Amino acid sequence: MPLSQNPIVEWPTELQPLLKDLQIATGANGKRYGRIDIDVASETLFLLNDFEARVRHRQVRLRLADRADCLVGEMNGLIGLGAAADPTQHIGKVRISFHDIQDNDCVDPAPQA
């Protein structure tokens, strides 16, 4: 099924705080991408890996606190970046990233009959 026909998946509410400082940039090809490097606890890492597996090759809707509208993009595989800054509360640092980010009105299209 082409990407355009797959329903958009919402970024999980319980993981929303992780995207607080997500940096959005535009590449040389004119497409936007976003990434953030963040320390995570073991439970959070499990939730991220589980979510990433479920949304592979699908668009993810991001509702960022500093925007009235939403963004959609494809989530890239998590990248482990080594030790956490505070190893007493976190098990490591990961990069969460998205590619092909586009503006979105936060509304799912009506199903076609």
PDB file of N, CA and C in Angstrom:
ATOM      1  N   MET A   1       0.850  -1.168   0.000  1.00  0.00           N
ATOM      2  CA  MET A   1       0.000   0.000   0.000  1.00  0.00           C
ATOM      3  C   MET A   1       0.898   1.233   0.000  1.00  0.00           C
ATOM      4  N   PRO A   2       0.656   2.191  -0.903  1.00  0.00           N
ATOM      5  CA  PRO A   2       1.480   3.405  -0.926  1.00  0.00           C
ATOM      6  C   PRO A   2       1.348   4.196   0.376  1.00  0.00           C
ATOM      7  N   LEU A   3       2.415   4.920   0.715  1.00  0.00           N
ATOM      8  CA  LEU A   3       2.444   5.698   1.950  1.00  0.00           C
ATOM      9  C   LEU A   3       1.238   6.615   2.051  1.00  0.00           C
ATOM     10  N   SER A   4       0.818   7.208   0.940  1.00  0.00           N
ATOM     11  CA  SER A   4      -0.289   8.159   0.965  1.00  0.00           C
ATOM     12  C   SER A   4      -1.616   7.506   1.364  1.00  0.00           C
ATOM     13  N   GLN A   5      -1.726   6.180   1.275  1.00  0.00           N
ATOM     14  CA  GLN A   5      -2.962   5.494   1.620  1.00  0.00           C
ATOM     15  C   GLN A   5      -2.957   4.950   3.052  1.00  0.00           C
ATOM     16  N   ASN A   6      -1.807   4.933   3.698  1.00  0.00           N
ATOM     17  CA  ASN A   6      -1.735   4.482   5.085  1.00  0.00           C
ATOM     18  C   ASN A   6      -2.246   5.585   6.002  1.00  0.00           C
ATOM     19  N   PRO A   7      -3.055   5.244   6.997  1.00  0.00           N
ATOM     20  CA  PRO A   7      -3.508   6.283   7.922  1.00  0.00           C
ATOM     21  C   PRO A   7      -2.327   6.859   8.706  1.00  0.00           C
ATOM     22  N   ILE A   8      -2.434   8.142   9.008  1.00  0.00           N
ATOM     23  CA  ILE A   8      -1.409   8.811   9.809  1.00  0.00           C
ATOM     24  C   ILE A   8      -1.531   8.323  11.249  1.00  0.00           C
ATOM     25  N   VAL A   9      -0.401   8.090  11.888  1.00  0.00           N
ATOM     26  CA  VAL A   9      -0.357   7.615  13.274  1.00  0.00           C
ATOM     27  C   VAL A   9       0.003   8.794  14.178  1.00  0.00           C
ATOM     28  N   GLU A  10      -0.729   8.948  15.260  1.00  0.00           N
ATOM     29  CA  GLU A  10      -0.458  10.019  16.225  1.00  0.00           C
ATOM     30  C   GLU A  10       0.768   9.673  17.075  1.00  0.00           C
ATOM     31  N   TRP A  11       1.620  10.668  17.316  1.00  0.00           N
ATOM     32  CA  TRP A  11       2.716  10.509  18.269  1.00  0.00           C
ATOM     33  C   TRP A  11       2.086  10.290  19.638  1.00  0.00           C
ATOM     34  N   PRO A  12       2.533   9.287  20.400  1.00  0.00           N
ATOM     35  CA  PRO A  12       1.894   8.962  21.687  1.00  0.00           C
ATOM     36  C   PRO A  12       1.947  10.112  22.697  1.00  0.00           C
ATOM     37  N   THR A  13       0.831  10.319  23.358  1.00  0.00           N
ATOM     38  CA  THR A  13       0.722  11.379  24.367  1.00  0.00           C
ATOM     39  C   THR A  13       1.776  11.213  25.453  1.00  0.00           C
ATOM     40  N   GLU A  14       2.017   9.963  25.882  1.00  0.00           N
ATOM     41  CA  GLU A  14       2.977   9.744  26.970  1.00  0.00           C
ATOM     42  C   GLU A  14       4.416  10.054  26.558  1.00  0.00           C
ATOM     43  N   LEU A  15       4.675  10.125  25.245  1.00  0.00           N
ATOM     44  CA  LEU A  15       6.015  10.462  24.758  1.00  0.00           C
ATOM     45  C   LEU A  15       6.117  11.920  24.307  1.00  0.00           C
ATOM     46  N   GLN A  16       5.023  12.662  24.412  1.00  0.00           N
ATOM     47  CA  GLN A  16       4.989  14.056  23.949  1.00  0.00           C
ATOM     48  C   GLN A  16       6.097  14.918  24.554  1.00  0.00           C
ATOM     49  N   PRO A  17       6.393  14.806  25.858  1.00  0.00           N
ATOM     50  CA  PRO A  17       7.447  15.655  26.434  1.00  0.00           C
ATOM     51  C   PRO A  17       8.819  15.469  25.769  1.00  0.00           C
ATOM     52  N   LEU A  18       9.053  14.325  25.146  1.00  0.00           N
ATOM     53  CA  LEU A  18      10.346  14.081  24.512  1.00  0.00           C
ATOM     54  C   LEU A  18      10.587  15.005  23.317  1.00  0.00           C
ATOM     55  N   LEU A  19       9.518  15.501  22.711  1.00  0.00           N
ATOM     56  CA  LEU A  19       9.653  16.334  21.512  1.00  0.00           C
ATOM     57  C   LEU A  19       9.683  17.826  21.824  1.00  0.00           C
ATOM     58  N   LYS A  20       9.728  18.170  23.089  1.00  0.00           N
ATOM     59  CA  LYS A  20       9.657  19.571  23.498  1.00  0.00           C
ATOM     60  C   LYS A  20      10.672  20.454  22.766  1.00  0.00           C
ATOM     61  N   ASP A  21      11.881  19.993  22.594  1.00  0.00           N
ATOM     62  CA  ASP A  21      12.941  20.784  21.963  1.00  0.00           C
ATOM     63  C   ASP A  21      13.329  20.255  20.583  1.00  0.00           C
ATOM     64  N   LEU A  22      12.393  19.587  19.906  1.00  0.00           N
ATOM     65  CA  LEU A  22      12.655  19.055  18.569  1.00  0.00           C
ATOM     66  C   LEU A  22      13.085  20.179  17.640  1.00  0.00           C
ATOM     67  N   GLN A  23      14.216  20.005  16.983  1.00  0.00           N
ATOM     68  CA  GLN A  23      14.745  21.002  16.056  1.00  0.00           C
ATOM     69  C   GLN A  23      14.323  20.632  14.633  1.00  0.00           C
ATOM     70  N   ILE A  24      13.641  21.573  13.943  1.00  0.00           N
ATOM     71  CA  ILE A  24      13.215  21.368  12.565  1.00  0.00           C
ATOM     72  C   ILE A  24      14.143  22.176  11.662  1.00  0.00           C
ATOM     73  N   ALA A  25      14.642  21.546  10.609  1.00  0.00           N
ATOM     74  CA  ALA A  25      15.546  22.217   9.666  1.00  0.00           C
ATOM     75  C   ALA A  25      15.154  21.813   8.246  1.00  0.00           C
ATOM     76  N   THR A  26      15.665  22.560   7.291  1.00  0.00           N
ATOM     77  CA  THR A  26      15.430  22.258   5.877  1.00  0.00           C
ATOM     78  C   THR A  26      16.745  21.828   5.255  1.00  0.00           C
ATOM     79  N   GLY A  27      16.726  20.662   4.591  1.00  0.00           N
ATOM     80  CA  GLY A  27      17.924  20.144   3.952  1.00  0.00           C
ATOM     81  C   GLY A  27      18.191  20.816   2.610  1.00  0.00           C
ATOM     82  N   ALA A  28      19.300  20.477   1.996  1.00  0.00           N
ATOM     83  CA  ALA A  28      19.696  21.039   0.701  1.00  0.00           C
ATOM     84  C   ALA A  28      18.676  20.718  -0.392  1.00  0.00           C
ATOM     85  N   ASN A  29      17.933  19.629  -0.218  1.00  0.00           N
ATOM     86  CA  ASN A  29      16.926  19.233  -1.202  1.00  0.00           C
ATOM     87  C   ASN A  29      15.582  19.941  -0.989  1.00  0.00           C
ATOM     88  N   GLY A  30      15.508  20.824   0.007  1.00  0.00           N
ATOM     89  CA  GLY A  30      14.285  21.566   0.277  1.00  0.00           C
ATOM     90  C   GLY A  30      13.305  20.850   1.192  1.00  0.00           C
ATOM     91  N   LYS A  31      13.609  19.628   1.580  1.00  0.00           N
ATOM     92  CA  LYS A  31      12.719  18.869   2.476  1.00  0.00           C
ATOM     93  C   LYS A  31      13.106  19.131   3.927  1.00  0.00           C
ATOM     94  N   ARG A  32      12.078  19.173   4.780  1.00  0.00           N
ATOM     95  CA  ARG A  32      12.328  19.409   6.196  1.00  0.00           C
ATOM     96  C   ARG A  32      12.555  18.099   6.944  1.00  0.00           C
ATOM     97  N   TYR A  33      13.346  18.194   7.970  1.00  0.00           N
ATOM     98  CA  TYR A  33      13.605  17.059   8.850  1.00  0.00           C
ATOM     99  C   TYR A  33      13.697  17.593  10.274  1.00  0.00           C
ATOM    100  N   GLY A  34      13.563  16.701  11.241  1.00  0.00           N
ATOM    101  CA  GLY A  34      13.656  17.101  12.637  1.00  0.00           C
ATOM    102  C   GLY A  34      14.379  16.065  13.445  1.00  0.00           C
ATOM    103  N   ARG A  35      15.045  16.528  14.493  1.00  0.00           N
ATOM    104  CA  ARG A  35      15.733  15.580  15.374  1.00  0.00           C
ATOM    105  C   ARG A  35      15.940  16.185  16.746  1.00  0.00           C
ATOM    106  N   ILE A  36      16.082  15.280  17.694  1.00  0.00           N
ATOM    107  CA  ILE A  36      16.418  15.664  19.056  1.00  0.00           C
ATOM    108  C   ILE A  36      17.222  14.523  19.683  1.00  0.00           C
ATOM    109  N   ASP A  37      18.242  14.877  20.420  1.00  0.00           N
ATOM    110  CA  ASP A  37      19.039  13.913  21.185  1.00  0.00           C
ATOM    111  C   ASP A  37      18.611  14.049  22.639  1.00  0.00           C
ATOM    112  N   ILE A  38      18.243  12.915  23.237  1.00  0.00           N
ATOM    113  CA  ILE A  38      17.638  12.976  24.569  1.00  0.00           C
ATOM    114  C   ILE A  38      18.019  11.758  25.404  1.00  0.00           C
ATOM    115  N   ASP A  39      18.205  11.985  26.699  1.00  0.00           N
ATOM    116  CA  ASP A  39      18.428  10.889  27.640  1.00  0.00           C
ATOM    117  C   ASP A  39      17.096  10.196  27.908  1.00  0.00           C
ATOM    118  N   VAL A  40      17.139   8.866  28.004  1.00  0.00           N
ATOM    119  CA  VAL A  40      15.906   8.114  28.233  1.00  0.00           C
ATOM    120  C   VAL A  40      16.102   7.055  29.314  1.00  0.00           C
ATOM    121  N   ALA A  41      15.011   6.789  30.016  1.00  0.00           N
ATOM    122  CA  ALA A  41      14.976   5.694  30.985  1.00  0.00           C
ATOM    123  C   ALA A  41      14.641   4.407  30.232  1.00  0.00           C
ATOM    124  N   SER A  42      14.806   3.270  30.868  1.00  0.00           N
ATOM    125  CA  SER A  42      14.584   1.988  30.187  1.00  0.00           C
ATOM    126  C   SER A  42      13.145   1.841  29.699  1.00  0.00           C
ATOM    127  N   GLU A  43      12.157   2.266  30.482  1.00  0.00           N
ATOM    128  CA  GLU A  43      10.765   2.155  30.061  1.00  0.00           C
ATOM    129  C   GLU A  43      10.488   3.033  28.836  1.00  0.00           C
ATOM    130  N   THR A  44      11.040   4.226  28.829  1.00  0.00           N
ATOM    131  CA  THR A  44      10.862   5.135  27.691  1.00  0.00           C
ATOM    132  C   THR A  44      11.512   4.558  26.439  1.00  0.00           C
ATOM    133  N   LEU A  45      12.693   3.979  26.592  1.00  0.00           N
ATOM    134  CA  LEU A  45      13.365   3.359  25.451  1.00  0.00           C
ATOM    135  C   LEU A  45      12.527   2.216  24.888  1.00  0.00           C
ATOM    136  N   PHE A  46      11.928   1.413  25.754  1.00  0.00           N
ATOM    137  CA  PHE A  46      11.050   0.338  25.300  1.00  0.00           C
ATOM    138  C   PHE A  46       9.867   0.912  24.514  1.00  0.00           C
ATOM    139  N   LEU A  47       9.218   1.950  25.058  1.00  0.00           N
ATOM    140  CA  LEU A  47       8.066   2.556  24.383  1.00  0.00           C
ATOM    141  C   LEU A  47       8.453   3.144  23.024  1.00  0.00           C
ATOM    142  N   LEU A  48       9.607   3.781  22.951  1.00  0.00           N
ATOM    143  CA  LEU A  48      10.079   4.344  21.674  1.00  0.00           C
ATOM    144  C   LEU A  48      10.332   3.253  20.643  1.00  0.00           C
ATOM    145  N   ASN A  49      10.990   2.188  21.061  1.00  0.00           N
ATOM    146  CA  ASN A  49      11.274   1.092  20.135  1.00  0.00           C
ATOM    147  C   ASN A  49       9.990   0.414  19.665  1.00  0.00           C
ATOM    148  N   ASP A  50       9.056   0.225  20.575  1.00  0.00           N
ATOM    149  CA  ASP A  50       7.775  -0.382  20.223  1.00  0.00           C
ATOM    150  C   ASP A  50       7.020   0.502  19.236  1.00  0.00           C
ATOM    151  N   PHE A  51       6.977   1.803  19.494  1.00  0.00           N
ATOM    152  CA  PHE A  51       6.282   2.729  18.601  1.00  0.00           C
ATOM    153  C   PHE A  51       6.955   2.765  17.230  1.00  0.00           C
ATOM    154  N   GLU A  52       8.263   2.857  17.221  1.00  0.00           N
ATOM    155  CA  GLU A  52       9.007   2.891  15.954  1.00  0.00           C
ATOM    156  C   GLU A  52       8.694   1.657  15.105  1.00  0.00           C
ATOM    157  N   ALA A  53       8.623   0.501  15.709  1.00  0.00           N
ATOM    158  CA  ALA A  53       8.322  -0.728  14.965  1.00  0.00           C
ATOM    159  C   ALA A  53       6.921  -0.685  14.364  1.00  0.00           C
ATOM    160  N   ARG A  54       5.969  -0.105  15.074  1.00  0.00           N
ATOM    161  CA  ARG A  54       4.586  -0.048  14.580  1.00  0.00           C
ATOM    162  C   ARG A  54       4.380   0.980  13.472  1.00  0.00           C
ATOM    163  N   VAL A  55       5.214   2.017  13.430  1.00  0.00           N
ATOM    164  CA  VAL A  55       4.981   3.092  12.451  1.00  0.00           C
ATOM    165  C   VAL A  55       5.942   3.064  11.274  1.00  0.00           C
ATOM    166  N   ARG A  56       6.719   2.022  11.162  1.00  0.00           N
ATOM    167  CA  ARG A  56       7.688   1.949  10.057  1.00  0.00           C
ATOM    168  C   ARG A  56       6.973   2.143   8.728  1.00  0.00           C
ATOM    169  N   HIS A  57       7.492   3.066   7.915  1.00  0.00           N
ATOM    170  CA  HIS A  57       6.953   3.386   6.578  1.00  0.00           C
ATOM    171  C   HIS A  57       5.565   4.009   6.641  1.00  0.00           C
ATOM    172  N   ARG A  58       5.258   4.667   7.740  1.00  0.00           N
ATOM    173  CA  ARG A  58       3.984   5.380   7.878  1.00  0.00           C
ATOM    174  C   ARG A  58       4.282   6.786   8.371  1.00  0.00           C
ATOM    175  N   GLN A  59       3.374   7.701   8.112  1.00  0.00           N
ATOM    176  CA  GLN A  59       3.532   9.058   8.600  1.00  0.00           C
ATOM    177  C   GLN A  59       3.086   9.147  10.050  1.00  0.00           C
ATOM    178  N   VAL A  60       3.782  10.003  10.800  1.00  0.00           N
ATOM    179  CA  VAL A  60       3.484  10.233  12.210  1.00  0.00           C
ATOM    180  C   VAL A  60       3.082  11.697  12.372  1.00  0.00           C
ATOM    181  N   ARG A  61       1.957  11.932  13.059  1.00  0.00           N
ATOM    182  CA  ARG A  61       1.512  13.311  13.316  1.00  0.00           C
ATOM    183  C   ARG A  61       2.134  13.787  14.616  1.00  0.00           C
ATOM    184  N   LEU A  62       2.769  14.943  14.528  1.00  0.00           N
ATOM    185  CA  LEU A  62       3.422  15.554  15.679  1.00  0.00           C
ATOM    186  C   LEU A  62       2.664  16.809  16.074  1.00  0.00           C
ATOM    187  N   ARG A  63       2.259  16.878  17.327  1.00  0.00           N
ATOM    188  CA  ARG A  63       1.577  18.068  17.855  1.00  0.00           C
ATOM    189  C   ARG A  63       2.557  18.756  18.803  1.00  0.00           C
ATOM    190  N   LEU A  64       3.262  19.738  18.276  1.00  0.00           N
ATOM    191  CA  LEU A  64       4.281  20.415  19.059  1.00  0.00           C
ATOM    192  C   LEU A  64       3.663  21.586  19.821  1.00  0.00           C
ATOM    193  N   ALA A  65       4.113  21.781  21.051  1.00  0.00           N
ATOM    194  CA  ALA A  65       3.521  22.784  21.936  1.00  0.00           C
ATOM    195  C   ALA A  65       3.629  24.201  21.382  1.00  0.00           C
ATOM    196  N   ASP A  66       4.668  24.498  20.617  1.00  0.00           N
ATOM    197  CA  ASP A  66       4.866  25.866  20.131  1.00  0.00           C
ATOM    198  C   ASP A  66       4.191  26.134  18.784  1.00  0.00           C
ATOM    199  N   ARG A  67       3.343  25.206  18.322  1.00  0.00           N
ATOM    200  CA  ARG A  67       2.665  25.365  17.030  1.00  0.00           C
ATOM    201  C   ARG A  67       1.166  25.138  17.191  1.00  0.00           C
ATOM    202  N   ALA A  68       0.380  25.931  16.457  1.00  0.00           N
ATOM    203  CA  ALA A  68      -1.071  25.755  16.481  1.00  0.00           C
ATOM    204  C   ALA A  68      -1.480  24.591  15.585  1.00  0.00           C
ATOM    205  N   ASP A  69      -0.736  24.395  14.495  1.00  0.00           N
ATOM    206  CA  ASP A  69      -1.034  23.300  13.579  1.00  0.00           C
ATOM    207  C   ASP A  69      -0.152  22.101  13.922  1.00  0.00           C
ATOM    208  N   CYS A  70      -0.251  21.068  13.130  1.00  0.00           N
ATOM    209  CA  CYS A  70       0.546  19.861  13.344  1.00  0.00           C
ATOM    210  C   CYS A  70       1.574  19.708  12.226  1.00  0.00           C
ATOM    211  N   LEU A  71       2.451  18.767  12.423  1.00  0.00           N
ATOM    212  CA  LEU A  71       3.403  18.360  11.393  1.00  0.00           C
ATOM    213  C   LEU A  71       3.246  16.866  11.205  1.00  0.00           C
ATOM    214  N   VAL A  72       3.536  16.378  10.012  1.00  0.00           N
ATOM    215  CA  VAL A  72       3.617  14.938   9.790  1.00  0.00           C
ATOM    216  C   VAL A  72       4.953  14.640   9.128  1.00  0.00           C
ATOM    217  N   GLY A  73       5.505  13.493   9.460  1.00  0.00           N
ATOM    218  CA  GLY A  73       6.761  13.047   8.880  1.00  0.00           C
ATOM    219  C   GLY A  73       6.951  11.581   9.176  1.00  0.00           C
ATOM    220  N   GLU A  74       7.907  10.978   8.496  1.00  0.00           N
ATOM    221  CA  GLU A  74       8.230   9.577   8.769  1.00  0.00           C
ATOM    222  C   GLU A  74       9.315   9.505   9.830  1.00  0.00           C
ATOM    223  N   MET A  75       9.119   8.616  10.805  1.00  0.00           N
ATOM    224  CA  MET A  75      10.094   8.446  11.870  1.00  0.00           C
ATOM    225  C   MET A  75      11.241   7.577  11.368  1.00  0.00           C
ATOM    226  N   ASN A  76      12.460   8.027  11.627  1.00  0.00           N
ATOM    227  CA  ASN A  76      13.641   7.239  11.315  1.00  0.00           C
ATOM    228  C   ASN A  76      13.903   6.259  12.458  1.00  0.00           C
ATOM    229  N   GLY A  77      14.741   5.285  12.209  1.00  0.00           N
ATOM    230  CA  GLY A  77      15.135   4.358  13.268  1.00  0.00           C
ATOM    231  C   GLY A  77      15.850   5.094  14.382  1.00  0.00           C
ATOM    232  N   LEU A  78      15.626   4.661  15.620  1.00  0.00           N
ATOM    233  CA  LEU A  78      16.327   5.264  16.749  1.00  0.00           C
ATOM    234  C   LEU A  78      17.818   5.015  16.629  1.00  0.00           C
ATOM    235  N   ILE A  79      18.592   5.987  17.032  1.00  0.00           N
ATOM    236  CA  ILE A  79      20.048   5.846  17.038  1.00  0.00           C
ATOM    237  C   ILE A  79      20.517   5.967  18.476  1.00  0.00           C
ATOM    238  N   GLY A  80      21.240   4.971  18.950  1.00  0.00           N
ATOM    239  CA  GLY A  80      21.825   5.035  20.285  1.00  0.00           C
ATOM    240  C   GLY A  80      23.062   5.901  20.254  1.00  0.00           C
ATOM    241  N   LEU A  81      23.149   6.860  21.172  1.00  0.00           N
ATOM    242  CA  LEU A  81      24.270   7.796  21.193  1.00  0.00           C
ATOM    243  C   LEU A  81      25.192   7.599  22.383  1.00  0.00           C
ATOM    244  N   GLY A  82      25.008   6.508  23.114  1.00  0.00           N
ATOM    245  CA  GLY A  82      25.906   6.228  24.222  1.00  0.00           C
ATOM    246  C   GLY A  82      25.306   6.521  25.579  1.00  0.00           C
ATOM    247  N   ALA A  83      26.184   6.860  26.501  1.00  0.00           N
ATOM    248  CA  ALA A  83      25.803   7.036  27.896  1.00  0.00           C
ATOM    249  C   ALA A  83      24.946   8.284  28.099  1.00  0.00           C
ATOM    250  N   ALA A  84      24.061   8.190  29.065  1.00  0.00           N
ATOM    251  CA  ALA A  84      23.224   9.335  29.445  1.00  0.00           C
ATOM    252  C   ALA A  84      24.043  10.333  30.238  1.00  0.00           C
ATOM    253  N   ALA A  85      23.636  11.587  30.194  1.00  0.00           N
ATOM    254  CA  ALA A  85      24.308  12.621  30.986  1.00  0.00           C
ATOM    255  C   ALA A  85      24.137  12.342  32.481  1.00  0.00           C
ATOM    256  N   ASP A  86      22.985  11.780  32.856  1.00  0.00           N
ATOM    257  CA  ASP A  86      22.709  11.433  34.259  1.00  0.00           C
ATOM    258  C   ASP A  86      22.381   9.939  34.336  1.00  0.00           C
ATOM    259  N   PRO A  87      23.392   9.087  34.440  1.00  0.00           N
ATOM    260  CA  PRO A  87      23.148   7.639  34.437  1.00  0.00           C
ATOM    261  C   PRO A  87      22.401   7.117  35.658  1.00  0.00           C
ATOM    262  N   THR A  88      22.185   7.935  36.678  1.00  0.00           N
ATOM    263  CA  THR A  88      21.412   7.470  37.828  1.00  0.00           C
ATOM    264  C   THR A  88      19.924   7.420  37.520  1.00  0.00           C
ATOM    265  N   GLN A  89      19.460   8.190  36.513  1.00  0.00           N
ATOM    266  CA  GLN A  89      18.041   8.219  36.176  1.00  0.00           C
ATOM    267  C   GLN A  89      17.744   7.754  34.751  1.00  0.00           C
ATOM    268  N   HIS A  90      18.763   7.636  33.911  1.00  0.00           N
ATOM    269  CA  HIS A  90      18.568   7.262  32.510  1.00  0.00           C
ATOM    270  C   HIS A  90      19.557   6.167  32.120  1.00  0.00           C
ATOM    271  N   ILE A  91      19.157   5.357  31.126  1.00  0.00           N
ATOM    272  CA  ILE A  91      20.054   4.272  30.720  1.00  0.00           C
ATOM    273  C   ILE A  91      20.907   4.630  29.511  1.00  0.00           C
ATOM    274  N   GLY A  92      20.547   5.697  28.809  1.00  0.00           N
ATOM    275  CA  GLY A  92      21.334   6.088  27.648  1.00  0.00           C
ATOM    276  C   GLY A  92      20.753   7.300  26.950  1.00  0.00           C
ATOM    277  N   LYS A  93      21.442   7.705  25.891  1.00  0.00           N
ATOM    278  CA  LYS A  93      21.024   8.839  25.072  1.00  0.00           C
ATOM    279  C   LYS A  93      20.681   8.297  23.690  1.00  0.00           C
ATOM    280  N   VAL A  94      19.540   8.756  23.128  1.00  0.00           N
ATOM    281  CA  VAL A  94      19.116   8.342  21.793  1.00  0.00           C
ATOM    282  C   VAL A  94      18.782   9.574  20.960  1.00  0.00           C
ATOM    283  N   ARG A  95      18.827   9.380  19.646  1.00  0.00           N
ATOM    284  CA  ARG A  95      18.366  10.407  18.713  1.00  0.00           C
ATOM    285  C   ARG A  95      17.024   9.971  18.159  1.00  0.00           C
ATOM    286  N   ILE A  96      16.013  10.837  18.325  1.00  0.00           N
ATOM    287  CA  ILE A  96      14.704  10.649  17.716  1.00  0.00           C
ATOM    288  C   ILE A  96      14.686  11.581  16.518  1.00  0.00           C
ATOM    289  N   SER A  97      14.371  11.046  15.329  1.00  0.00           N
ATOM    290  CA  SER A  97      14.384  11.903  14.150  1.00  0.00           C
ATOM    291  C   SER A  97      13.286  11.522  13.169  1.00  0.00           C
ATOM    292  N   PHE A  98      12.936  12.507  12.349  1.00  0.00           N
ATOM    293  CA  PHE A  98      11.876  12.363  11.351  1.00  0.00           C
ATOM    294  C   PHE A  98      12.371  12.973  10.045  1.00  0.00           C
ATOM    295  N   HIS A  99      11.903  12.426   8.928  1.00  0.00           N
ATOM    296  CA  HIS A  99      12.231  13.016   7.629  1.00  0.00           C
ATOM    297  C   HIS A  99      10.951  13.300   6.852  1.00  0.00           C
ATOM    298  N   ASP A 100      11.099  14.081   5.788  1.00  0.00           N
ATOM    299  CA  ASP A 100       9.961  14.482   4.951  1.00  0.00           C
ATOM    300  C   ASP A 100       8.845  15.123   5.779  1.00  0.00           C
ATOM    301  N   ILE A 101       9.194  16.065   6.632  1.00  0.00           N
ATOM    302  CA  ILE A 101       8.213  16.726   7.482  1.00  0.00           C
ATOM    303  C   ILE A 101       7.405  17.724   6.655  1.00  0.00           C
ATOM    304  N   GLN A 102       6.083  17.667   6.860  1.00  0.00           N
ATOM    305  CA  GLN A 102       5.162  18.555   6.155  1.00  0.00           C
ATOM    306  C   GLN A 102       4.167  19.140   7.145  1.00  0.00           C
ATOM    307  N   ASP A 103       3.604  20.299   6.777  1.00  0.00           N
ATOM    308  CA  ASP A 103       2.549  20.896   7.596  1.00  0.00           C
ATOM    309  C   ASP A 103       1.299  20.037   7.504  1.00  0.00           C
ATOM    310  N   ASN A 104       0.510  20.054   8.577  1.00  0.00           N
ATOM    311  CA  ASN A 104      -0.704  19.260   8.638  1.00  0.00           C
ATOM    312  C   ASN A 104      -1.721  20.020   9.481  1.00  0.00           C
ATOM    313  N   ASP A 105      -2.996  19.890   9.154  1.00  0.00           N
ATOM    314  CA  ASP A 105      -4.031  20.633   9.875  1.00  0.00           C
ATOM    315  C   ASP A 105      -4.550  19.908  11.115  1.00  0.00           C
ATOM    316  N   CYS A 106      -3.960  18.824  11.497  1.00  0.00           N
ATOM    317  CA  CYS A 106      -4.326  18.059  12.695  1.00  0.00           C
ATOM    318  C   CYS A 106      -5.647  17.309  12.570  1.00  0.00           C
ATOM    319  N   VAL A 107      -6.198  17.203  11.380  1.00  0.00           N
ATOM    320  CA  VAL A 107      -7.478  16.530  11.170  1.00  0.00           C
ATOM    321  C   VAL A 107      -7.269  15.384  10.195  1.00  0.00           C
ATOM    322  N   ASP A 108      -7.785  14.214  10.572  1.00  0.00           N
ATOM    323  CA  ASP A 108      -7.715  13.063   9.666  1.00  0.00           C
ATOM    324  C   ASP A 108      -8.718  13.263   8.542  1.00  0.00           C
ATOM    325  N   PRO A 109      -8.372  12.897   7.300  1.00  0.00           N
ATOM    326  CA  PRO A 109      -9.347  12.990   6.220  1.00  0.00           C
ATOM    327  C   PRO A 109     -10.489  11.995   6.439  1.00  0.00           C
ATOM    328  N   ALA A 110     -11.656  12.341   5.926  1.00  0.00           N
ATOM    329  CA  ALA A 110     -12.818  11.442   6.046  1.00  0.00           C
ATOM    330  C   ALA A 110     -12.547  10.176   5.245  1.00  0.00           C
ATOM    331  N   PRO A 111     -12.939   9.024   5.769  1.00  0.00           N
ATOM    332  CA  PRO A 111     -12.748   7.772   5.021  1.00  0.00           C
ATOM    333  C   PRO A 111     -13.527   7.809   3.716  1.00  0.00           C
ATOM    334  N   GLN A 112     -12.913   7.252   2.680  1.00  0.00           N
ATOM    335  CA  GLN A 112     -13.582   7.193   1.371  1.00  0.00           C
ATOM    336  C   GLN A 112     -14.421   5.941   1.279  1.00  0.00           C
ATOM    337  N   ALA A 113     -15.584   6.087   0.684  1.00  0.00           N
ATOM    338  CA  ALA A 113     -16.513   4.940   0.569  1.00  0.00           C
ATOM    339  C   ALA A 113     -16.137   4.073  -0.599  1.00  0.00           C
TER     340      ALA A 113
END
